[in-house]
Amino acid sequence: MATDPVRPLHPRLAPTLAEQALASAGDVRVGRIVEVHEGRPFVAFGALHRVAARVVMPGLRDTPAAMLDGQPVLLLLEDGDPALPIIVGLVSDTLPGAGTPADEGFEVNGRRLSFEGREQVELRCGQASITLRADGQVIVKGTRLMSRASESNKIRGATVLIN
């Protein structure tokens, strides 16, 4: 009985696209995501500050862009070309799920929800937005703004301008 010398691996043992890419890699670098524009990540590494990258990781596509800003990534340079980086993995000092919910900035029980941005945090819905800036500036915008209180409603500031 003849055996096929090129027998495919069991699907669970077959190398992933990322593993195949790393196996034939000419150049692997660690970079950082500096921007996500219309779903396309831009990375910085070495002397390059903003290069469009492709993504091998399917789960990365579902991650909100704000969470990826500044994220260290493992890059494969296609054919060793720095203009053709491919993101093949995220780089972290801890394993996924190793942090506590408080480290992540929220508690699962719903009592506390906290976001922190280095420069700015923005919450948007349609024409309404709330922006918190690192310098202490808070901007609330909307087509109509309502402030209600069951007790006192105070406006305080060094100066208060109305209209």
Protein backbone atom coordinates (compact mmCIF):
# COMPACT_ATOMS: atom_id res chain seq x y z
CA MET A 1 0.00 0.00 0.00
CA ALA A 2 1.46 3.36 -1.06
CA THR A 3 1.48 6.22 1.39
CA ASP A 4 1.22 9.84 0.45
CA PRO A 5 4.58 11.46 1.34
CA VAL A 6 2.94 14.90 1.65
CA ARG A 7 0.25 14.28 4.21
CA PRO A 8 -1.56 17.35 5.58
CA LEU A 9 -1.31 17.98 9.29
CA HIS A 10 -4.31 17.61 11.52
CA PRO A 11 -6.09 21.04 11.49
CA ARG A 12 -5.20 21.65 15.15
CA LEU A 13 -1.53 20.96 14.44
CA ALA A 14 -1.34 23.00 11.25
CA PRO A 15 0.69 26.18 11.73
CA THR A 16 -1.31 29.38 11.88
CA LEU A 17 -0.73 32.12 9.34
CA ALA A 18 1.22 34.05 11.99
CA GLU A 19 3.41 31.02 12.76
CA GLN A 20 4.05 30.46 9.06
CA ALA A 21 4.95 34.12 8.64
CA LEU A 22 7.34 34.05 11.61
CA ALA A 23 8.95 30.83 10.38
CA SER A 24 9.88 32.49 7.11
CA ALA A 25 10.48 35.90 8.62
CA GLY A 26 13.36 37.93 7.38
CA ASP A 27 12.81 40.71 9.89
CA VAL A 28 10.76 40.81 13.11
CA ARG A 29 10.40 44.03 15.13
CA VAL A 30 8.53 45.34 18.14
CA GLY A 31 6.60 48.50 17.37
CA ARG A 32 3.66 50.46 18.71
CA ILE A 33 0.23 51.29 17.28
CA VAL A 34 0.15 55.08 16.94
CA GLU A 35 -3.18 55.52 15.15
CA VAL A 36 -6.15 53.62 13.78
CA HIS A 37 -7.82 55.36 10.84
CA GLU A 38 -10.93 53.83 9.23
CA GLY A 39 -9.97 50.46 10.72
CA ARG A 40 -6.40 50.55 9.40
CA PRO A 41 -3.65 50.54 12.04
CA PHE A 42 -0.57 52.72 11.71
CA VAL A 43 2.56 51.69 13.59
CA ALA A 44 5.84 53.25 14.69
CA PHE A 45 9.09 51.31 15.01
CA GLY A 46 12.76 52.17 14.74
CA ALA A 47 13.12 55.54 13.00
CA LEU A 48 9.71 55.23 11.30
CA HIS A 49 6.90 57.14 13.01
CA ARG A 50 3.72 56.32 11.05
CA VAL A 51 3.52 53.37 8.67
CA ALA A 52 0.27 51.68 7.56
CA ALA A 53 0.24 48.05 8.71
CA ARG A 54 -1.72 44.94 7.86
CA VAL A 55 -3.14 42.62 10.52
CA VAL A 56 -2.89 38.83 10.83
CA MET A 57 -4.80 38.62 14.14
CA PRO A 58 -8.57 38.30 13.55
CA GLY A 59 -9.43 39.33 17.14
CA LEU A 60 -7.55 42.60 16.78
CA ARG A 61 -10.06 43.81 14.20
CA ASP A 62 -12.81 43.72 16.86
CA THR A 63 -10.83 45.73 19.41
CA PRO A 64 -11.93 49.38 19.77
CA ALA A 65 -9.38 51.75 18.24
CA ALA A 66 -9.07 53.74 21.48
CA MET A 67 -7.86 50.62 23.30
CA LEU A 68 -5.14 50.01 20.70
CA ASP A 69 -3.56 53.47 20.86
CA GLY A 70 0.01 53.04 22.10
CA GLN A 71 -0.28 49.23 22.24
CA PRO A 72 3.07 47.48 21.67
CA VAL A 73 2.89 44.96 18.81
CA LEU A 74 5.08 42.32 17.21
CA LEU A 75 5.69 43.19 13.57
CA LEU A 76 6.85 41.09 10.66
CA LEU A 77 8.32 43.07 7.79
CA GLU A 78 7.16 41.50 4.53
CA ASP A 79 10.24 40.67 2.45
CA GLY A 80 12.24 42.62 5.07
CA ASP A 81 10.69 45.88 3.78
CA PRO A 82 10.02 48.45 6.58
CA ALA A 83 7.24 49.95 4.42
CA LEU A 84 5.29 46.64 4.63
CA PRO A 85 4.76 45.82 8.33
CA ILE A 86 2.32 43.10 9.37
CA ILE A 87 0.99 42.98 12.95
CA VAL A 88 1.31 39.35 14.08
CA GLY A 89 0.74 39.79 17.81
CA LEU A 90 0.32 42.07 20.79
CA VAL A 91 3.20 42.51 23.23
CA SER A 92 2.39 42.62 26.94
CA ASP A 93 4.16 42.12 30.26
CA THR A 94 1.23 40.05 31.58
CA LEU A 95 -0.91 37.21 30.32
CA PRO A 96 -4.45 38.02 29.11
CA GLY A 97 -6.90 37.97 32.01
CA ALA A 98 -4.09 38.16 34.60
CA GLY A 99 -5.07 41.68 35.70
CA THR A 100 -7.91 42.43 38.06
CA PRO A 101 -11.01 44.30 36.90
CA ALA A 102 -9.86 47.31 38.96
CA ASP A 103 -6.62 47.34 36.96
CA GLU A 104 -8.72 47.45 33.80
CA GLY A 105 -10.60 50.49 35.11
CA PHE A 106 -14.00 48.94 35.80
CA GLU A 107 -15.77 46.58 38.15
CA VAL A 108 -17.97 43.83 36.80
CA ASN A 109 -20.72 44.39 39.39
CA GLY A 110 -21.66 47.66 37.68
CA ARG A 111 -21.00 49.92 40.65
CA ARG A 112 -18.01 51.67 39.12
CA LEU A 113 -16.94 52.38 35.56
CA SER A 114 -13.73 54.30 35.02
CA PHE A 115 -11.86 55.22 31.85
CA GLU A 116 -8.53 56.96 31.74
CA GLY A 117 -6.86 58.60 28.78
CA ARG A 118 -3.40 60.11 28.75
CA GLU A 119 -4.51 63.17 26.77
CA GLN A 120 -8.28 63.05 26.45
CA VAL A 121 -11.41 60.95 27.04
CA GLU A 122 -14.38 61.52 24.77
CA LEU A 123 -17.90 60.10 24.96
CA ARG A 124 -20.06 60.57 21.85
CA CYS A 125 -23.60 59.75 20.80
CA GLY A 126 -25.02 61.39 17.67
CA GLN A 127 -24.68 65.17 18.02
CA ALA A 128 -23.88 65.00 21.75
CA SER A 129 -20.43 64.68 23.30
CA ILE A 130 -18.58 65.02 26.58
CA THR A 131 -14.83 65.61 26.39
CA LEU A 132 -12.45 65.45 29.37
CA ARG A 133 -8.94 66.77 28.77
CA ALA A 134 -5.75 66.19 30.75
CA ASP A 135 -5.41 69.94 31.42
CA GLY A 136 -8.69 69.82 33.40
CA GLN A 137 -10.94 71.21 30.67
CA VAL A 138 -14.42 69.63 30.39
CA ILE A 139 -16.48 70.26 27.26
CA VAL A 140 -20.16 69.28 27.06
CA LYS A 141 -21.84 69.70 23.66
CA GLY A 142 -25.31 68.92 22.39
CA THR A 143 -28.31 70.32 20.57
CA ARG A 144 -30.08 70.75 23.94
CA LEU A 145 -28.51 70.57 27.37
CA MET A 146 -30.51 69.90 30.52
CA SER A 147 -29.30 70.06 34.10
CA ARG A 148 -31.62 68.82 36.86
CA ALA A 149 -31.16 68.32 40.56
CA SER A 150 -33.50 67.13 43.29
CA GLU A 151 -31.51 69.36 45.64
CA SER A 152 -29.18 72.29 44.90
CA ASN A 153 -27.71 72.80 41.41
CA LYS A 154 -24.57 74.93 41.66
CA ILE A 155 -22.41 76.56 39.02
CA ARG A 156 -19.03 77.64 40.36
CA GLY A 157 -15.97 79.06 38.70
CA ALA A 158 -13.51 81.92 38.83
CA THR A 159 -15.78 83.49 36.20
CA VAL A 160 -19.16 82.27 34.97
CA LEU A 161 -20.26 83.38 31.51
CA ILE A 162 -23.84 82.95 30.30
CA ASN A 163 -24.33 83.59 26.57
